[in-house]
Amino acid sequence: MAARKEIDGSASVPQFYGKELRFKREEAGLTLERLVGGSFYGPTYLSEIEHGKRRMPLDLAQHVDRVLGTDGFFQRRCEDVRKAKQGAHAAYFAAIAEAEKRALTIEEWCNVLIPGLLQTAAYAKAVIHSTHPRDTAEEVLAKIEARLKRAELFENPKKPEYWVILHESLVRNSTIPAVEMAEQLDHIAALVRRRRVAVQILPWDGPTRPFMQLPLLFMEFADAPPLMYTEGPYHGQTVDDPSLVKQYRKAYDQLRAAALPPEASLALLEEAAEDYRHGQQRP
């Protein structure tokens, strides 16, 4: 039997919320399975809420309040948890940032920007200045730190499996100084060489189709159905309908088939980094 893991309610709002949830559940003499009975959620999901790892969905909070007789407490406070877990992320992206931590696989197609999980601080700063020019220095720093923290998931040598297709324009056309761009490409190449990420470059003359205009992100999980996410500068959309995810997945697979193999893509990344370093950027 696994040892009971204590919850430090002082560590964060989500953990305070989760510790209170566990207290009320155990006070009522209920197991995780019995508390979620009659809802659309499983005991593992509820356990992760108790440990502050997941936010509480509104419908589950309402269900918990009914079963525990807590007079709407968990429904009222679940918005506080949502805001706390959002942090410096945009509201439409916060759930995706949270889901990344649970994903078994993450796959992306990026046509406009190097993806956030691979960005250096200098690249992230340039993107934030471009999209949110009125942000204060403190707000910019918070967003950069939140973006870099997401990449800590690569410290796990096994999970997630990460695969990204980059359009060649992201490698050849830089919006940051050449030295910083060289460092950005070096950073990606180092992750590839560590076998922590797989990168493919779609050449300039690769196929053009309407779906190429959208960035695509796919995630698969051990305990939940796969999802797809796409976004613009100021909005994001999550698709979890299995038939739609499957359609978008076919589009992604066509892009992957047209892209350079991983070995050739790594060589292109390293060649471009050298060009930036020596002021010999190629068209």
Protein backbone atom coordinates (compact mmCIF):
# COMPACT_ATOMS: atom_id res chain seq x y z
CA MET A 1 0.00 0.00 0.00
CA ALA A 2 1.44 3.36 -1.02
CA ALA A 3 2.31 5.78 1.77
CA ARG A 4 -0.10 8.64 2.24
CA LYS A 5 1.34 11.86 0.81
CA GLU A 6 0.73 14.90 2.96
CA ILE A 7 -0.47 18.12 1.36
CA ASP A 8 1.16 21.42 2.29
CA GLY A 9 -1.78 23.81 2.28
CA SER A 10 0.54 26.80 2.77
CA ALA A 11 2.40 26.19 -0.50
CA SER A 12 -0.22 27.62 -2.86
CA VAL A 13 -3.90 28.41 -3.32
CA PRO A 14 -4.51 25.13 -5.25
CA GLN A 15 -2.90 23.08 -2.48
CA PHE A 16 -4.83 24.90 0.24
CA TYR A 17 -8.01 24.16 -1.69
CA GLY A 18 -7.01 20.53 -2.22
CA LYS A 19 -6.12 20.00 1.43
CA GLU A 20 -9.52 21.33 2.50
CA LEU A 21 -11.18 19.04 -0.05
CA ARG A 22 -9.36 16.01 1.34
CA PHE A 23 -10.24 17.03 4.92
CA LYS A 24 -13.95 17.35 4.11
CA ARG A 25 -13.95 14.09 2.12
CA GLU A 26 -12.29 12.11 4.90
CA GLU A 27 -14.45 13.81 7.55
CA ALA A 28 -17.45 12.46 5.65
CA GLY A 29 -15.87 9.01 5.55
CA LEU A 30 -15.74 8.90 1.76
CA THR A 31 -13.13 7.40 -0.54
CA LEU A 32 -12.12 9.17 -3.73
CA GLU A 33 -14.21 6.65 -5.68
CA ARG A 34 -17.34 7.28 -3.65
CA LEU A 35 -17.02 11.07 -3.81
CA VAL A 36 -16.76 11.14 -7.62
CA GLY A 37 -19.51 8.52 -8.02
CA GLY A 38 -22.25 9.92 -10.22
CA SER A 39 -19.97 12.53 -11.81
CA PHE A 40 -18.12 12.36 -15.12
CA TYR A 41 -14.71 12.23 -13.39
CA GLY A 42 -12.52 9.48 -11.99
CA PRO A 43 -10.77 9.09 -8.61
CA THR A 44 -7.33 9.85 -10.09
CA TYR A 45 -8.62 13.19 -11.36
CA LEU A 46 -9.96 14.07 -7.91
CA SER A 47 -6.73 12.97 -6.23
CA GLU A 48 -4.75 15.34 -8.46
CA ILE A 49 -7.08 18.19 -7.46
CA GLU A 50 -6.47 17.36 -3.79
CA HIS A 51 -2.72 17.61 -4.39
CA GLY A 52 -3.02 20.92 -6.25
CA LYS A 53 -2.01 19.45 -9.60
CA ARG A 54 -5.30 20.09 -11.42
CA ARG A 55 -7.93 22.77 -11.24
CA MET A 56 -11.44 21.94 -10.11
CA PRO A 57 -14.00 22.02 -12.97
CA LEU A 58 -17.16 23.90 -12.08
CA ASP A 59 -19.46 20.90 -12.58
CA LEU A 60 -17.30 18.72 -10.35
CA ALA A 61 -17.17 21.43 -7.68
CA GLN A 62 -20.98 21.56 -7.71
CA HIS A 63 -21.12 17.76 -7.43
CA VAL A 64 -18.67 17.74 -4.50
CA ASP A 65 -20.63 20.44 -2.67
CA ARG A 66 -23.84 18.44 -3.05
CA VAL A 67 -22.30 15.18 -1.81
CA LEU A 68 -20.37 16.75 1.08
CA GLY A 69 -23.03 19.29 2.00
CA THR A 70 -20.49 22.10 1.95
CA ASP A 71 -22.96 24.85 1.01
CA GLY A 72 -21.28 25.84 -2.26
CA PHE A 73 -17.81 26.33 -0.75
CA PHE A 74 -15.87 24.41 -3.41
CA GLN A 75 -17.88 25.99 -6.23
CA ARG A 76 -17.19 29.51 -4.90
CA ARG A 77 -13.48 28.91 -4.39
CA CYS A 78 -12.70 27.03 -7.64
CA GLU A 79 -12.39 30.35 -9.50
CA ASP A 80 -9.65 31.39 -7.03
CA VAL A 81 -7.77 28.19 -7.91
CA ARG A 82 -8.21 28.84 -11.62
CA LYS A 83 -6.71 32.32 -11.29
CA ALA A 84 -3.84 31.06 -9.14
CA LYS A 85 -2.95 28.31 -11.60
CA GLN A 86 -3.21 30.72 -14.54
CA GLY A 87 -0.33 32.80 -13.21
CA ALA A 88 1.27 34.92 -15.94
CA HIS A 89 -0.23 32.85 -18.75
CA ALA A 90 -3.06 34.20 -20.88
CA ALA A 91 -6.42 32.93 -19.64
CA TYR A 92 -7.06 31.00 -22.86
CA PHE A 93 -3.70 29.21 -22.60
CA ALA A 94 -3.53 28.40 -18.88
CA ALA A 95 -5.32 25.05 -19.22
CA ILE A 96 -2.91 24.01 -22.00
CA ALA A 97 0.12 24.91 -19.88
CA GLU A 98 -1.32 22.77 -17.11
CA ALA A 99 -2.08 19.89 -19.47
CA GLU A 100 1.51 19.84 -20.77
CA LYS A 101 2.65 18.53 -17.41
CA ARG A 102 0.40 15.47 -17.76
CA ALA A 103 0.95 14.76 -21.46
CA LEU A 104 2.60 11.58 -22.66
CA THR A 105 3.21 13.09 -26.11
CA ILE A 106 3.22 16.67 -27.40
CA GLU A 107 3.39 17.36 -31.12
CA GLU A 108 3.40 20.79 -32.75
CA TRP A 109 3.35 22.47 -36.15
CA CYS A 110 4.71 26.02 -35.94
CA ASN A 111 4.57 28.41 -38.86
CA VAL A 112 4.81 31.85 -37.22
CA LEU A 113 6.84 31.56 -34.02
CA ILE A 114 9.24 29.12 -32.42
CA PRO A 115 7.04 27.32 -29.87
CA GLY A 116 7.05 28.53 -26.29
CA LEU A 117 8.49 25.28 -24.92
CA LEU A 118 11.63 25.85 -27.02
CA GLN A 119 12.04 29.61 -26.64
CA THR A 120 15.02 31.25 -24.97
CA ALA A 121 14.49 34.26 -22.72
CA ALA A 122 15.63 36.66 -25.46
CA TYR A 123 13.22 35.22 -28.03
CA ALA A 124 10.34 35.17 -25.55
CA LYS A 125 11.01 38.79 -24.60
CA ALA A 126 10.88 39.89 -28.25
CA VAL A 127 7.58 38.05 -28.78
CA ILE A 128 6.02 39.60 -25.65
CA HIS A 129 7.19 43.10 -26.57
CA SER A 130 5.68 42.66 -30.02
CA THR A 131 2.30 41.33 -28.92
CA HIS A 132 1.92 43.26 -25.63
CA PRO A 133 3.87 46.51 -26.07
CA ARG A 134 2.22 48.18 -23.06
CA ASP A 135 3.24 45.53 -20.55
CA THR A 136 5.35 46.79 -17.66
CA ALA A 137 8.86 45.44 -17.11
CA GLU A 138 7.51 43.36 -14.22
CA GLU A 139 4.74 41.87 -16.36
CA VAL A 140 7.19 41.02 -19.14
CA LEU A 141 9.56 39.33 -16.68
CA ALA A 142 6.71 37.31 -15.16
CA LYS A 143 5.63 36.09 -18.59
CA ILE A 144 9.20 35.17 -19.56
CA GLU A 145 9.68 33.24 -16.32
CA ALA A 146 6.37 31.42 -16.78
CA ARG A 147 7.35 30.45 -20.33
CA LEU A 148 10.79 29.18 -19.29
CA LYS A 149 9.30 27.25 -16.37
CA ARG A 150 7.13 25.31 -18.78
CA ALA A 151 10.30 23.91 -20.36
CA GLU A 152 11.28 22.26 -17.07
CA LEU A 153 9.27 19.26 -18.21
CA PHE A 154 12.25 18.41 -20.48
CA GLU A 155 14.23 17.66 -17.32
CA ASN A 156 12.31 14.38 -17.18
CA PRO A 157 14.29 12.06 -19.47
CA LYS A 158 11.21 10.05 -20.45
CA LYS A 159 8.07 12.19 -20.55
CA PRO A 160 6.70 13.80 -22.57
CA GLU A 161 7.74 12.65 -26.00
CA TYR A 162 7.98 15.95 -27.89
CA TRP A 163 7.98 16.36 -31.67
CA VAL A 164 7.79 19.66 -33.54
CA ILE A 165 7.67 20.68 -37.21
CA LEU A 166 9.05 24.17 -37.87
CA HIS A 167 8.64 26.12 -41.08
CA GLU A 168 12.05 27.04 -42.52
CA SER A 169 11.18 30.74 -42.29
CA LEU A 170 11.40 30.48 -38.48
CA VAL A 171 15.01 29.40 -38.83
CA ARG A 172 16.10 31.71 -41.64
CA ASN A 173 14.20 34.91 -40.79
CA SER A 174 15.04 36.35 -37.38
CA THR A 175 13.26 39.12 -35.51
CA ILE A 176 15.95 39.25 -32.82
CA PRO A 177 19.67 40.14 -33.09
CA ALA A 178 21.79 37.58 -34.91
CA VAL A 179 23.79 36.57 -31.82
CA GLU A 180 20.58 35.93 -29.87
CA MET A 181 19.11 33.97 -32.76
CA ALA A 182 22.22 31.80 -32.89
CA GLU A 183 21.72 31.08 -29.18
CA GLN A 184 18.05 30.26 -29.82
CA LEU A 185 18.91 27.72 -32.52
CA ASP A 186 21.76 26.32 -30.40
CA HIS A 187 19.27 25.78 -27.58
CA ILE A 188 16.94 23.77 -29.82
CA ALA A 189 19.83 21.79 -31.30
CA ALA A 190 21.10 20.93 -27.81
CA LEU A 191 17.70 19.50 -26.87
CA VAL A 192 17.72 17.46 -30.07
CA ARG A 193 21.20 16.12 -29.38
CA ARG A 194 20.11 15.16 -25.87
CA ARG A 195 17.36 13.20 -27.64
CA ARG A 196 14.87 15.14 -25.57
CA VAL A 197 12.99 16.59 -28.54
CA ALA A 198 12.58 15.71 -32.20
CA VAL A 199 12.55 18.54 -34.75
CA GLN A 200 11.71 18.54 -38.45
CA ILE A 201 12.00 21.54 -40.75
CA LEU A 202 9.43 22.08 -43.50
CA PRO A 203 11.37 23.69 -46.40
CA TRP A 204 10.35 26.93 -48.09
CA ASP A 205 9.11 24.99 -51.11
CA GLY A 206 7.09 22.53 -49.03
CA PRO A 207 3.41 22.00 -49.88
CA THR A 208 1.01 24.83 -49.15
CA ARG A 209 -2.49 24.09 -47.93
CA PRO A 210 -5.03 26.10 -45.92
CA PHE A 211 -4.23 24.27 -42.68
CA MET A 212 -0.63 25.47 -42.92
CA GLN A 213 -1.89 28.89 -41.84
CA LEU A 214 -2.75 27.56 -38.37
CA PRO A 215 -0.30 26.52 -35.67
CA LEU A 216 -1.31 23.08 -34.39
CA LEU A 217 -0.59 21.42 -31.06
CA PHE A 218 -1.61 17.88 -30.16
CA MET A 219 -1.42 16.20 -26.76
CA GLU A 220 -2.09 12.63 -25.68
CA PHE A 221 -2.59 11.48 -22.09
CA ALA A 222 -2.66 8.28 -20.10
CA ASP A 223 -6.02 9.06 -18.49
CA ALA A 224 -7.83 11.42 -20.88
CA PRO A 225 -8.71 11.66 -24.58
CA PRO A 226 -6.32 13.51 -26.91
CA LEU A 227 -6.80 17.18 -27.69
CA MET A 228 -5.76 19.71 -30.30
CA TYR A 229 -5.05 23.38 -29.69
CA THR A 230 -4.54 26.31 -32.05
CA GLU A 231 -4.16 30.02 -31.39
CA GLY A 232 -3.62 33.53 -32.68
CA PRO A 233 -1.83 36.42 -30.96
CA TYR A 234 -4.76 37.09 -28.61
CA HIS A 235 -6.94 33.99 -28.59
CA GLY A 236 -6.75 30.24 -28.41
CA GLN A 237 -9.07 27.35 -29.18
CA THR A 238 -9.00 23.84 -27.74
CA VAL A 239 -10.59 21.03 -29.76
CA ASP A 240 -11.35 17.78 -27.95
CA ASP A 241 -13.97 16.29 -30.25
CA PRO A 242 -12.36 12.99 -31.34
CA SER A 243 -13.47 13.24 -34.98
CA LEU A 244 -12.13 16.79 -35.36
CA VAL A 245 -8.86 15.96 -33.61
CA LYS A 246 -8.48 13.04 -36.03
CA GLN A 247 -9.01 15.32 -39.05
CA TYR A 248 -6.46 17.85 -37.85
CA ARG A 249 -4.10 15.01 -37.05
CA LYS A 250 -4.20 13.86 -40.69
CA ALA A 251 -3.24 17.38 -41.77
CA TYR A 252 -0.32 17.33 -39.34
CA ASP A 253 0.83 13.96 -40.63
CA GLN A 254 0.91 15.37 -44.17
CA LEU A 255 3.16 18.20 -43.01
CA ARG A 256 5.43 15.76 -41.21
CA ALA A 257 5.73 13.64 -44.35
CA ALA A 258 6.76 16.70 -46.38
CA ALA A 259 9.32 17.94 -43.85
CA LEU A 260 13.04 17.16 -43.81
CA PRO A 261 14.08 14.11 -41.78
CA PRO A 262 15.27 14.81 -38.21
CA GLU A 263 18.96 14.37 -39.08
CA ALA A 264 18.81 16.83 -41.99
CA SER A 265 16.74 19.22 -39.88
CA LEU A 266 19.35 19.22 -37.11
CA ALA A 267 22.07 19.93 -39.66
CA LEU A 268 20.04 22.86 -41.01
CA LEU A 269 19.54 24.26 -37.48
CA GLU A 270 23.26 24.08 -36.73
CA GLU A 271 24.20 25.54 -40.10
CA ALA A 272 21.81 28.46 -39.60
CA ALA A 273 23.17 29.07 -36.09
CA GLU A 274 26.70 29.32 -37.51
CA ASP A 275 25.50 31.71 -40.20
CA TYR A 276 23.95 34.00 -37.59
CA ARG A 277 27.07 33.81 -35.46
CA HIS A 278 29.28 34.94 -38.34
CA GLY A 279 26.92 37.42 -39.96
CA GLN A 280 26.36 35.25 -43.03
CA GLN A 281 22.60 34.85 -42.91
CA ARG A 282 21.33 33.09 -46.01
CA PRO A 283 18.08 33.84 -47.84
